[in-house]
Amino acid sequence: MDLQISVFLLFILFTAGHSLRCYECNGVTGSCADQTVKTCPSGSSHCVTSTAVVQVGDIRSKATMKDCAPACQRLSANFGVLKTTATCCDTDQCNLQDADPSSNIPNGNKCFSCDGQSCSNIVTCLGTEDRCVKATATIGGQAIVVKGCVSKSLCNDTASVDNVQDISCCKGKLCNGAQSVSQSFLFLCCSLLSYFLLH
């Protein structure tokens, strides 16, 4: 009987003592050159890597974030000037590689996107981006519109994006309309970028 209790207690100690370990970094100027290994807190069951690439004209900027996450959400979004990808996994130190938005292959879908002057630009959807999105927000008293391609997983979790009153997704080529806007949409892109990198 004492042997059974000892084995049971030893089993509990080993299983309770194992926490997931993930790479952690915040590479706001590109890849994660200085990543460290982090023991995840209780409730975190996945490692996540998010990468965002912003390109305006010839100026290109990339940011990468790695951390622990309570759930797995694989997503991809292409707003024309902003492309972001998030990947996840559930084994120790499995998030070593950066998620790369530019590595996806065109999937045949196309959506309208905005550039701050017009929402009649067309972007080619990549990889799992099987939905078109239209989002609106009011920032500083101005209505701001952003459109583009997103994966279905992002459409399923739209309630928690800060500063955004309305996000709607649709399936089909150019289903997100081409209405024109005159306001800058950089503030909304920043809100969406922070959501992708931090959730």
N, C-alpha and C. Protein backbone atom coordinates (compact mmCIF):
# COMPACT_ATOMS: atom_id res chain seq x y z
N MET A 1 0.82 -1.20 0.00
CA MET A 1 0.00 0.00 0.00
C MET A 1 0.86 1.25 0.00
N ASP A 2 1.94 1.28 0.82
CA ASP A 2 2.82 2.44 0.88
C ASP A 2 3.51 2.67 -0.46
N LEU A 3 3.82 1.59 -1.17
CA LEU A 3 4.45 1.71 -2.48
C LEU A 3 3.50 2.38 -3.46
N GLN A 4 2.21 2.01 -3.44
CA GLN A 4 1.23 2.62 -4.34
C GLN A 4 1.08 4.11 -4.06
N ILE A 5 1.04 4.50 -2.80
CA ILE A 5 0.93 5.92 -2.44
C ILE A 5 2.17 6.67 -2.89
N SER A 6 3.34 6.08 -2.70
CA SER A 6 4.59 6.73 -3.12
C SER A 6 4.64 6.94 -4.63
N VAL A 7 4.23 5.91 -5.38
CA VAL A 7 4.22 6.02 -6.84
C VAL A 7 3.22 7.08 -7.27
N PHE A 8 2.05 7.11 -6.66
CA PHE A 8 1.02 8.10 -6.98
C PHE A 8 1.52 9.51 -6.71
N LEU A 9 2.13 9.75 -5.55
CA LEU A 9 2.66 11.08 -5.23
C LEU A 9 3.78 11.48 -6.18
N LEU A 10 4.64 10.55 -6.53
CA LEU A 10 5.72 10.83 -7.47
C LEU A 10 5.16 11.20 -8.84
N PHE A 11 4.11 10.50 -9.30
CA PHE A 11 3.46 10.80 -10.57
C PHE A 11 2.87 12.21 -10.55
N ILE A 12 2.20 12.58 -9.46
CA ILE A 12 1.61 13.91 -9.34
C ILE A 12 2.70 14.99 -9.38
N LEU A 13 3.80 14.76 -8.70
CA LEU A 13 4.89 15.75 -8.70
C LEU A 13 5.47 15.95 -10.09
N PHE A 14 5.65 14.86 -10.83
CA PHE A 14 6.23 14.98 -12.16
C PHE A 14 5.28 15.66 -13.14
N THR A 15 3.99 15.30 -13.10
CA THR A 15 3.06 15.89 -14.06
C THR A 15 2.73 17.33 -13.70
N ALA A 16 2.64 17.66 -12.42
CA ALA A 16 2.33 19.02 -12.01
C ALA A 16 3.52 19.95 -12.22
N GLY A 17 4.71 19.40 -12.15
CA GLY A 17 5.91 20.22 -12.25
C GLY A 17 6.30 20.57 -13.66
N HIS A 18 5.68 19.95 -14.68
CA HIS A 18 6.06 20.24 -16.06
C HIS A 18 5.20 21.36 -16.62
N SER A 19 5.84 22.47 -16.92
CA SER A 19 5.15 23.59 -17.55
C SER A 19 5.71 23.76 -18.95
N LEU A 20 4.87 24.22 -19.83
CA LEU A 20 5.28 24.47 -21.21
C LEU A 20 6.34 25.57 -21.23
N ARG A 21 7.33 25.40 -22.09
CA ARG A 21 8.39 26.41 -22.24
C ARG A 21 8.36 26.89 -23.69
N CYS A 22 8.30 28.21 -23.85
CA CYS A 22 8.22 28.82 -25.19
C CYS A 22 9.29 29.88 -25.35
N TYR A 23 9.64 30.14 -26.60
CA TYR A 23 10.51 31.27 -26.87
C TYR A 23 9.71 32.55 -26.68
N GLU A 24 10.39 33.58 -26.18
CA GLU A 24 9.76 34.88 -25.94
C GLU A 24 10.64 35.97 -26.55
N CYS A 25 10.01 36.89 -27.26
CA CYS A 25 10.74 38.04 -27.78
C CYS A 25 9.74 39.05 -28.30
N ASN A 26 10.23 40.26 -28.52
CA ASN A 26 9.43 41.31 -29.13
C ASN A 26 10.34 42.05 -30.09
N GLY A 27 10.45 41.52 -31.31
CA GLY A 27 11.33 42.09 -32.32
C GLY A 27 10.63 43.14 -33.13
N VAL A 28 10.57 44.37 -32.59
CA VAL A 28 9.84 45.44 -33.29
C VAL A 28 10.58 45.95 -34.51
N THR A 29 11.82 45.56 -34.69
CA THR A 29 12.57 45.99 -35.86
C THR A 29 12.93 44.84 -36.78
N GLY A 30 12.19 43.76 -36.71
CA GLY A 30 12.46 42.63 -37.60
C GLY A 30 12.30 41.31 -36.89
N SER A 31 13.25 40.40 -37.11
CA SER A 31 13.21 39.08 -36.50
C SER A 31 13.61 39.16 -35.03
N CYS A 32 13.40 38.06 -34.34
CA CYS A 32 13.77 37.97 -32.92
C CYS A 32 15.20 37.49 -32.79
N ALA A 33 16.13 38.41 -32.80
CA ALA A 33 17.54 38.04 -32.66
C ALA A 33 17.88 37.66 -31.23
N ASP A 34 17.25 38.31 -30.26
CA ASP A 34 17.54 38.07 -28.84
C ASP A 34 16.36 37.41 -28.16
N GLN A 35 16.00 36.19 -28.59
CA GLN A 35 14.90 35.50 -27.95
C GLN A 35 15.38 34.69 -26.77
N THR A 36 14.53 34.58 -25.76
CA THR A 36 14.84 33.81 -24.57
C THR A 36 13.78 32.73 -24.40
N VAL A 37 14.08 31.73 -23.57
CA VAL A 37 13.11 30.68 -23.28
C VAL A 37 12.40 31.05 -21.99
N LYS A 38 11.08 30.97 -22.02
CA LYS A 38 10.24 31.37 -20.90
C LYS A 38 9.40 30.18 -20.45
N THR A 39 9.30 29.97 -19.14
CA THR A 39 8.37 28.98 -18.61
C THR A 39 7.00 29.63 -18.56
N CYS A 40 6.05 29.02 -19.23
CA CYS A 40 4.72 29.63 -19.35
C CYS A 40 3.96 29.58 -18.03
N PRO A 41 3.14 30.58 -17.78
CA PRO A 41 2.32 30.58 -16.57
C PRO A 41 1.20 29.55 -16.67
N SER A 42 0.61 29.24 -15.56
CA SER A 42 -0.51 28.31 -15.52
C SER A 42 -1.62 28.82 -16.43
N GLY A 43 -2.22 27.93 -17.20
CA GLY A 43 -3.28 28.31 -18.12
C GLY A 43 -2.80 28.52 -19.54
N SER A 44 -1.50 28.61 -19.76
CA SER A 44 -0.95 28.74 -21.12
C SER A 44 -0.64 27.36 -21.65
N SER A 45 -1.25 27.00 -22.75
CA SER A 45 -1.08 25.66 -23.30
C SER A 45 -0.43 25.66 -24.68
N HIS A 46 -0.10 26.87 -25.20
CA HIS A 46 0.47 26.96 -26.54
C HIS A 46 1.58 28.01 -26.59
N CYS A 47 2.48 27.82 -27.55
CA CYS A 47 3.47 28.82 -27.89
C CYS A 47 2.97 29.50 -29.17
N VAL A 48 3.15 30.82 -29.26
CA VAL A 48 2.65 31.56 -30.41
C VAL A 48 3.76 32.41 -31.01
N THR A 49 3.71 32.56 -32.32
CA THR A 49 4.60 33.47 -33.05
C THR A 49 3.74 34.31 -33.97
N SER A 50 3.86 35.64 -33.87
CA SER A 50 3.13 36.56 -34.74
C SER A 50 4.14 37.43 -35.48
N THR A 51 3.91 37.60 -36.76
CA THR A 51 4.76 38.46 -37.58
C THR A 51 3.89 39.41 -38.37
N ALA A 52 4.26 40.67 -38.39
CA ALA A 52 3.54 41.68 -39.17
C ALA A 52 4.53 42.41 -40.06
N VAL A 53 4.14 42.62 -41.31
CA VAL A 53 4.96 43.37 -42.27
C VAL A 53 4.13 44.53 -42.78
N VAL A 54 4.66 45.73 -42.63
CA VAL A 54 4.02 46.94 -43.15
C VAL A 54 4.87 47.46 -44.30
N GLN A 55 4.24 47.70 -45.45
CA GLN A 55 4.96 48.24 -46.59
C GLN A 55 4.19 49.39 -47.19
N VAL A 56 4.81 50.58 -47.17
CA VAL A 56 4.24 51.77 -47.78
C VAL A 56 5.26 52.26 -48.79
N GLY A 57 4.91 52.11 -50.07
CA GLY A 57 5.87 52.46 -51.13
C GLY A 57 7.09 51.56 -51.05
N ASP A 58 8.28 52.17 -50.99
CA ASP A 58 9.52 51.41 -50.89
C ASP A 58 9.93 51.15 -49.45
N ILE A 59 9.20 51.68 -48.49
CA ILE A 59 9.55 51.52 -47.08
C ILE A 59 8.86 50.29 -46.52
N ARG A 60 9.67 49.34 -46.01
CA ARG A 60 9.15 48.08 -45.47
C ARG A 60 9.61 47.92 -44.03
N SER A 61 8.68 47.55 -43.16
CA SER A 61 8.99 47.36 -41.75
C SER A 61 8.40 46.04 -41.29
N LYS A 62 9.14 45.30 -40.46
CA LYS A 62 8.69 43.99 -39.99
C LYS A 62 8.78 43.94 -38.47
N ALA A 63 7.79 43.34 -37.82
CA ALA A 63 7.80 43.14 -36.37
C ALA A 63 7.43 41.70 -36.08
N THR A 64 8.10 41.10 -35.09
CA THR A 64 7.85 39.72 -34.71
C THR A 64 7.67 39.64 -33.20
N MET A 65 6.72 38.84 -32.74
CA MET A 65 6.47 38.62 -31.33
C MET A 65 6.32 37.13 -31.08
N LYS A 66 6.96 36.64 -30.00
CA LYS A 66 6.82 35.24 -29.58
C LYS A 66 6.50 35.23 -28.10
N ASP A 67 5.62 34.30 -27.69
CA ASP A 67 5.24 34.24 -26.28
C ASP A 67 4.40 32.99 -26.03
N CYS A 68 3.95 32.85 -24.79
CA CYS A 68 3.00 31.82 -24.39
C CYS A 68 1.59 32.32 -24.69
N ALA A 69 0.66 31.39 -24.88
CA ALA A 69 -0.73 31.77 -25.16
C ALA A 69 -1.68 30.76 -24.52
N PRO A 70 -2.85 31.22 -24.08
CA PRO A 70 -3.80 30.30 -23.48
C PRO A 70 -4.53 29.42 -24.49
N ALA A 71 -4.54 29.83 -25.74
CA ALA A 71 -5.24 29.05 -26.77
C ALA A 71 -4.51 29.21 -28.09
N CYS A 72 -4.83 28.34 -29.02
CA CYS A 72 -4.18 28.36 -30.33
C CYS A 72 -5.07 29.07 -31.34
N GLN A 73 -4.55 30.10 -31.97
CA GLN A 73 -5.28 30.77 -33.04
C GLN A 73 -4.34 31.01 -34.20
N ARG A 74 -4.50 30.21 -35.25
CA ARG A 74 -3.71 30.41 -36.46
C ARG A 74 -4.49 31.39 -37.33
N LEU A 75 -3.82 32.44 -37.75
CA LEU A 75 -4.52 33.41 -38.59
C LEU A 75 -3.57 34.06 -39.56
N SER A 76 -4.16 34.62 -40.58
CA SER A 76 -3.42 35.36 -41.58
C SER A 76 -4.32 36.49 -42.06
N ALA A 77 -3.73 37.67 -42.26
CA ALA A 77 -4.50 38.82 -42.73
C ALA A 77 -3.64 39.63 -43.68
N ASN A 78 -4.29 40.18 -44.72
CA ASN A 78 -3.60 41.00 -45.71
C ASN A 78 -4.47 42.22 -45.98
N PHE A 79 -4.00 43.38 -45.49
CA PHE A 79 -4.74 44.63 -45.69
C PHE A 79 -4.07 45.51 -46.74
N GLY A 80 -3.25 44.93 -47.59
CA GLY A 80 -2.54 45.70 -48.60
C GLY A 80 -1.22 46.21 -48.05
N VAL A 81 -1.28 47.25 -47.21
CA VAL A 81 -0.05 47.80 -46.63
C VAL A 81 0.40 47.00 -45.42
N LEU A 82 -0.49 46.24 -44.80
CA LEU A 82 -0.17 45.45 -43.61
C LEU A 82 -0.52 43.99 -43.86
N LYS A 83 0.48 43.11 -43.67
CA LYS A 83 0.25 41.67 -43.74
C LYS A 83 0.71 41.07 -42.43
N THR A 84 -0.11 40.21 -41.84
CA THR A 84 0.25 39.60 -40.57
C THR A 84 -0.12 38.13 -40.55
N THR A 85 0.67 37.35 -39.83
CA THR A 85 0.46 35.92 -39.69
C THR A 85 0.73 35.53 -38.24
N ALA A 86 -0.09 34.65 -37.69
CA ALA A 86 0.15 34.10 -36.36
C ALA A 86 0.07 32.58 -36.46
N THR A 87 1.07 31.92 -35.87
CA THR A 87 1.08 30.46 -35.82
C THR A 87 1.24 30.04 -34.37
N CYS A 88 0.86 28.80 -34.07
CA CYS A 88 0.98 28.31 -32.70
C CYS A 88 1.30 26.83 -32.70
N CYS A 89 1.77 26.35 -31.56
CA CYS A 89 2.13 24.95 -31.38
C CYS A 89 2.05 24.63 -29.89
N ASP A 90 2.17 23.36 -29.52
CA ASP A 90 1.92 23.00 -28.13
C ASP A 90 2.99 22.12 -27.49
N THR A 91 4.22 22.17 -28.00
CA THR A 91 5.31 21.44 -27.37
C THR A 91 6.41 22.41 -26.96
N ASP A 92 7.28 21.97 -26.06
CA ASP A 92 8.34 22.84 -25.55
C ASP A 92 9.18 23.44 -26.66
N GLN A 93 9.36 24.75 -26.61
CA GLN A 93 10.24 25.53 -27.49
C GLN A 93 9.94 25.27 -28.97
N CYS A 94 8.67 25.10 -29.30
CA CYS A 94 8.29 24.79 -30.69
C CYS A 94 8.15 26.03 -31.55
N ASN A 95 8.20 27.23 -30.95
CA ASN A 95 8.01 28.46 -31.71
C ASN A 95 9.33 29.15 -32.06
N LEU A 96 10.33 28.35 -32.40
CA LEU A 96 11.64 28.89 -32.75
C LEU A 96 11.61 29.69 -34.04
N GLN A 97 10.91 29.19 -35.07
CA GLN A 97 10.88 29.85 -36.37
C GLN A 97 9.89 31.02 -36.38
N ASP A 98 10.22 32.08 -37.11
CA ASP A 98 9.31 33.20 -37.30
C ASP A 98 8.17 32.79 -38.22
N ALA A 99 6.98 33.35 -37.98
CA ALA A 99 5.87 33.20 -38.91
C ALA A 99 6.11 34.23 -40.01
N ASP A 100 6.02 33.84 -41.26
CA ASP A 100 6.36 34.75 -42.35
C ASP A 100 5.16 34.99 -43.26
N PRO A 101 4.56 36.20 -43.21
CA PRO A 101 3.40 36.48 -44.05
C PRO A 101 3.68 36.36 -45.54
N SER A 102 4.92 36.56 -45.96
CA SER A 102 5.21 36.55 -47.39
C SER A 102 5.38 35.14 -47.94
N SER A 103 5.36 34.10 -47.08
CA SER A 103 5.61 32.74 -47.56
C SER A 103 4.36 32.04 -48.08
N ASN A 104 3.19 32.66 -47.91
CA ASN A 104 1.96 32.02 -48.35
C ASN A 104 1.80 32.10 -49.87
N ILE A 105 1.03 31.19 -50.40
CA ILE A 105 0.77 31.10 -51.83
C ILE A 105 -0.62 31.67 -52.12
N PRO A 106 -0.81 32.44 -53.20
CA PRO A 106 -2.14 32.96 -53.54
C PRO A 106 -3.16 31.83 -53.65
N ASN A 107 -4.36 32.07 -53.09
CA ASN A 107 -5.38 31.02 -53.05
C ASN A 107 -6.53 31.27 -54.03
N GLY A 108 -6.44 32.30 -54.86
CA GLY A 108 -7.48 32.58 -55.84
C GLY A 108 -8.50 33.61 -55.40
N ASN A 109 -8.58 33.90 -54.10
CA ASN A 109 -9.53 34.90 -53.62
C ASN A 109 -8.93 36.30 -53.74
N LYS A 110 -9.77 37.30 -53.94
CA LYS A 110 -9.34 38.69 -53.99
C LYS A 110 -10.33 39.52 -53.18
N CYS A 111 -9.82 40.55 -52.50
CA CYS A 111 -10.67 41.43 -51.70
C CYS A 111 -10.26 42.88 -51.94
N PHE A 112 -11.20 43.79 -51.67
CA PHE A 112 -10.88 45.20 -51.73
C PHE A 112 -10.06 45.58 -50.50
N SER A 113 -9.18 46.58 -50.66
CA SER A 113 -8.41 47.12 -49.53
C SER A 113 -8.38 48.65 -49.64
N CYS A 114 -8.02 49.29 -48.54
CA CYS A 114 -7.99 50.76 -48.48
C CYS A 114 -6.55 51.24 -48.36
N ASP A 115 -6.29 52.43 -48.90
CA ASP A 115 -4.96 53.02 -48.77
C ASP A 115 -5.01 54.39 -48.09
N GLY A 116 -6.12 54.74 -47.49
CA GLY A 116 -6.27 56.04 -46.85
C GLY A 116 -6.98 57.04 -47.74
N GLN A 117 -6.95 56.83 -49.04
CA GLN A 117 -7.63 57.71 -50.00
C GLN A 117 -8.83 57.02 -50.62
N SER A 118 -8.69 55.73 -50.86
CA SER A 118 -9.72 54.99 -51.57
C SER A 118 -9.76 53.55 -51.06
N CYS A 119 -10.92 52.93 -51.14
CA CYS A 119 -11.06 51.51 -50.81
C CYS A 119 -11.35 50.69 -52.05
N SER A 120 -10.82 51.14 -53.19
CA SER A 120 -11.05 50.41 -54.44
C SER A 120 -9.82 49.61 -54.86
N ASN A 121 -8.78 49.58 -54.03
CA ASN A 121 -7.62 48.75 -54.33
C ASN A 121 -8.00 47.28 -54.14
N ILE A 122 -7.33 46.41 -54.87
CA ILE A 122 -7.61 44.98 -54.79
C ILE A 122 -6.35 44.26 -54.34
N VAL A 123 -6.50 43.41 -53.31
CA VAL A 123 -5.38 42.60 -52.83
C VAL A 123 -5.65 41.14 -53.13
N THR A 124 -4.58 40.40 -53.37
CA THR A 124 -4.67 38.96 -53.60
C THR A 124 -4.54 38.26 -52.27
N CYS A 125 -5.49 37.40 -51.95
CA CYS A 125 -5.47 36.68 -50.68
C CYS A 125 -4.47 35.52 -50.75
N LEU A 126 -3.83 35.25 -49.62
CA LEU A 126 -2.78 34.25 -49.55
C LEU A 126 -3.13 33.14 -48.56
N GLY A 127 -2.65 31.95 -48.82
CA GLY A 127 -2.77 30.85 -47.87
C GLY A 127 -4.18 30.62 -47.37
N THR A 128 -4.38 30.79 -46.04
CA THR A 128 -5.67 30.51 -45.40
C THR A 128 -6.61 31.71 -45.39
N GLU A 129 -6.26 32.79 -46.07
CA GLU A 129 -7.10 34.00 -46.11
C GLU A 129 -8.29 33.76 -47.05
N ASP A 130 -9.31 33.09 -46.53
CA ASP A 130 -10.44 32.71 -47.35
C ASP A 130 -11.66 33.61 -47.16
N ARG A 131 -11.50 34.71 -46.44
CA ARG A 131 -12.59 35.66 -46.21
C ARG A 131 -12.12 37.07 -46.54
N CYS A 132 -13.08 37.93 -46.91
CA CYS A 132 -12.82 39.36 -47.04
C CYS A 132 -13.37 40.02 -45.79
N VAL A 133 -12.75 41.11 -45.37
CA VAL A 133 -13.16 41.79 -44.15
C VAL A 133 -13.35 43.27 -44.42
N LYS A 134 -14.27 43.86 -43.69
CA LYS A 134 -14.45 45.30 -43.66
C LYS A 134 -14.57 45.67 -42.19
N ALA A 135 -13.75 46.62 -41.73
CA ALA A 135 -13.81 47.04 -40.34
C ALA A 135 -13.92 48.56 -40.30
N THR A 136 -14.67 49.07 -39.34
CA THR A 136 -14.80 50.51 -39.16
C THR A 136 -14.54 50.86 -37.71
N ALA A 137 -14.06 52.06 -37.50
CA ALA A 137 -13.80 52.56 -36.15
C ALA A 137 -13.96 54.08 -36.17
N THR A 138 -14.14 54.63 -34.99
CA THR A 138 -14.17 56.08 -34.85
C THR A 138 -13.00 56.47 -33.96
N ILE A 139 -12.02 57.15 -34.53
CA ILE A 139 -10.83 57.57 -33.79
C ILE A 139 -10.67 59.07 -33.98
N GLY A 140 -10.66 59.80 -32.87
CA GLY A 140 -10.55 61.25 -32.95
C GLY A 140 -11.73 61.88 -33.65
N GLY A 141 -12.89 61.26 -33.57
CA GLY A 141 -14.09 61.80 -34.20
C GLY A 141 -14.21 61.50 -35.68
N GLN A 142 -13.26 60.77 -36.24
CA GLN A 142 -13.30 60.45 -37.67
C GLN A 142 -13.59 58.98 -37.88
N ALA A 143 -14.42 58.68 -38.87
CA ALA A 143 -14.68 57.29 -39.25
C ALA A 143 -13.52 56.79 -40.09
N ILE A 144 -13.02 55.64 -39.76
CA ILE A 144 -11.87 55.05 -40.45
C ILE A 144 -12.29 53.68 -40.95
N VAL A 145 -11.95 53.36 -42.19
CA VAL A 145 -12.32 52.09 -42.80
C VAL A 145 -11.05 51.33 -43.18
N VAL A 146 -11.05 50.02 -42.91
CA VAL A 146 -9.97 49.16 -43.37
C VAL A 146 -10.61 47.91 -43.96
N LYS A 147 -10.03 47.43 -45.06
CA LYS A 147 -10.54 46.25 -45.75
C LYS A 147 -9.38 45.39 -46.18
N GLY A 148 -9.66 44.10 -46.38
CA GLY A 148 -8.62 43.20 -46.86
C GLY A 148 -9.04 41.75 -46.77
N CYS A 149 -8.04 40.87 -46.81
CA CYS A 149 -8.24 39.42 -46.72
C CYS A 149 -7.90 38.94 -45.32
N VAL A 150 -8.67 38.01 -44.79
CA VAL A 150 -8.38 37.41 -43.49
C VAL A 150 -8.74 35.93 -43.52
N SER A 151 -8.16 35.18 -42.58
CA SER A 151 -8.54 33.78 -42.42
C SER A 151 -9.81 33.69 -41.59
N LYS A 152 -10.53 32.62 -41.75
CA LYS A 152 -11.81 32.42 -41.07
C LYS A 152 -11.66 32.51 -39.56
N SER A 153 -10.53 32.05 -39.00
CA SER A 153 -10.34 32.06 -37.54
C SER A 153 -10.41 33.48 -36.98
N LEU A 154 -9.96 34.47 -37.73
CA LEU A 154 -10.06 35.85 -37.26
C LEU A 154 -11.51 36.32 -37.26
N CYS A 155 -12.27 35.90 -38.22
CA CYS A 155 -13.69 36.28 -38.29
C CYS A 155 -14.47 35.71 -37.12
N ASN A 156 -14.04 34.57 -36.60
CA ASN A 156 -14.73 33.94 -35.47
C ASN A 156 -14.47 34.65 -34.15
N ASP A 157 -13.44 35.51 -34.08
CA ASP A 157 -13.07 36.17 -32.83
C ASP A 157 -12.89 37.66 -33.07
N THR A 158 -13.98 38.37 -33.35
CA THR A 158 -13.89 39.78 -33.69
C THR A 158 -14.33 40.71 -32.58
N ALA A 159 -14.82 40.18 -31.48
CA ALA A 159 -15.40 41.04 -30.44
C ALA A 159 -14.37 41.77 -29.60
N SER A 160 -13.13 41.29 -29.57
CA SER A 160 -12.17 41.85 -28.62
C SER A 160 -11.10 42.76 -29.25
N VAL A 161 -11.33 43.27 -30.44
CA VAL A 161 -10.36 44.17 -31.06
C VAL A 161 -10.64 45.59 -30.55
N ASP A 162 -9.63 46.19 -29.90
CA ASP A 162 -9.78 47.52 -29.33
C ASP A 162 -10.05 48.57 -30.42
N ASN A 163 -10.85 49.58 -30.07
CA ASN A 163 -11.14 50.75 -30.90
C ASN A 163 -11.88 50.44 -32.20
N VAL A 164 -12.47 49.26 -32.31
CA VAL A 164 -13.19 48.90 -33.52
C VAL A 164 -14.64 48.60 -33.16
N GLN A 165 -15.55 49.34 -33.77
CA GLN A 165 -16.97 49.16 -33.48
C GLN A 165 -17.61 48.09 -34.36
N ASP A 166 -17.07 47.84 -35.54
CA ASP A 166 -17.75 46.94 -36.47
C ASP A 166 -16.73 46.20 -37.32
N ILE A 167 -16.77 44.88 -37.26
CA ILE A 167 -15.96 44.05 -38.15
C ILE A 167 -16.90 43.06 -38.80
N SER A 168 -16.91 43.03 -40.12
CA SER A 168 -17.75 42.05 -40.81
C SER A 168 -16.93 41.31 -41.85
N CYS A 169 -17.16 40.00 -41.91
CA CYS A 169 -16.45 39.15 -42.85
C CYS A 169 -17.45 38.58 -43.86
N CYS A 170 -16.95 38.29 -45.05
CA CYS A 170 -17.79 37.67 -46.07
C CYS A 170 -16.91 36.73 -46.89
N LYS A 171 -17.55 35.80 -47.57
CA LYS A 171 -16.83 34.83 -48.38
C LYS A 171 -17.18 35.05 -49.85
N GLY A 172 -16.17 35.16 -50.68
CA GLY A 172 -16.38 35.37 -52.11
C GLY A 172 -15.50 36.49 -52.62
N LYS A 173 -15.16 36.45 -53.89
CA LYS A 173 -14.28 37.46 -54.47
C LYS A 173 -14.91 38.85 -54.39
N LEU A 174 -14.14 39.79 -53.86
CA LEU A 174 -14.50 41.20 -53.79
C LEU A 174 -15.84 41.44 -53.10
N CYS A 175 -16.19 40.62 -52.13
CA CYS A 175 -17.49 40.74 -51.47
C CYS A 175 -17.52 41.85 -50.42
N ASN A 176 -16.37 42.48 -50.13
CA ASN A 176 -16.34 43.52 -49.09
C ASN A 176 -16.51 44.94 -49.64
N GLY A 177 -17.03 45.09 -50.85
CA GLY A 177 -17.38 46.40 -51.40
C GLY A 177 -16.20 47.31 -51.67
N ALA A 178 -16.42 48.34 -52.52
CA ALA A 178 -15.33 49.22 -52.93
C ALA A 178 -15.60 50.67 -52.60
N GLN A 179 -16.39 50.95 -51.54
CA GLN A 179 -16.71 52.35 -51.25
C GLN A 179 -15.46 53.15 -50.93
N SER A 180 -15.47 54.39 -51.28
CA SER A 180 -14.33 55.26 -51.16
C SER A 180 -14.30 55.96 -49.81
N VAL A 181 -13.10 56.23 -49.31
CA VAL A 181 -12.92 56.95 -48.04
C VAL A 181 -11.88 58.02 -48.23
N SER A 182 -11.92 59.03 -47.38
CA SER A 182 -10.91 60.08 -47.47
C SER A 182 -10.09 60.22 -46.19
N GLN A 183 -10.43 59.46 -45.15
CA GLN A 183 -9.70 59.57 -43.89
C GLN A 183 -8.52 58.59 -43.88
N SER A 184 -7.50 58.94 -43.07
CA SER A 184 -6.36 58.06 -42.89
C SER A 184 -6.79 56.87 -42.06
N PHE A 185 -6.25 55.69 -42.37
CA PHE A 185 -6.63 54.52 -41.61
C PHE A 185 -5.45 53.94 -40.83
N LEU A 186 -4.37 54.70 -40.65
CA LEU A 186 -3.20 54.19 -39.93
C LEU A 186 -3.51 53.86 -38.48
N PHE A 187 -4.38 54.67 -37.82
CA PHE A 187 -4.71 54.38 -36.43
C PHE A 187 -5.40 53.02 -36.31
N LEU A 188 -6.30 52.71 -37.22
CA LEU A 188 -6.98 51.43 -37.16
C LEU A 188 -6.01 50.30 -37.46
N CYS A 189 -5.10 50.50 -38.42
CA CYS A 189 -4.11 49.48 -38.71
C CYS A 189 -3.26 49.21 -37.47
N CYS A 190 -2.90 50.27 -36.74
CA CYS A 190 -2.11 50.09 -35.51
C CYS A 190 -2.91 49.30 -34.48
N SER A 191 -4.21 49.58 -34.35
CA SER A 191 -5.05 48.83 -33.41
C SER A 191 -5.13 47.37 -33.80
N LEU A 192 -5.34 47.11 -35.10
CA LEU A 192 -5.40 45.74 -35.56
C LEU A 192 -4.07 45.04 -35.40
N LEU A 193 -2.96 45.73 -35.69
CA LEU A 193 -1.64 45.16 -35.53
C LEU A 193 -1.38 44.79 -34.08
N SER A 194 -1.72 45.68 -33.14
CA SER A 194 -1.51 45.36 -31.73
C SER A 194 -2.37 44.18 -31.31
N TYR A 195 -3.59 44.07 -31.86
CA TYR A 195 -4.43 42.92 -31.54
C TYR A 195 -3.78 41.63 -32.02
N PHE A 196 -3.28 41.62 -33.27
CA PHE A 196 -2.69 40.41 -33.80
C PHE A 196 -1.45 40.01 -33.04
N LEU A 197 -0.63 40.98 -32.66
CA LEU A 197 0.61 40.67 -31.97
C LEU A 197 0.42 40.31 -30.51
N LEU A 198 -0.63 40.80 -29.88
CA LEU A 198 -0.79 40.59 -28.44
C LEU A 198 -1.84 39.56 -28.07
N HIS A 199 -2.60 39.03 -29.04
CA HIS A 199 -3.64 38.06 -28.69
C HIS A 199 -3.33 36.74 -29.33
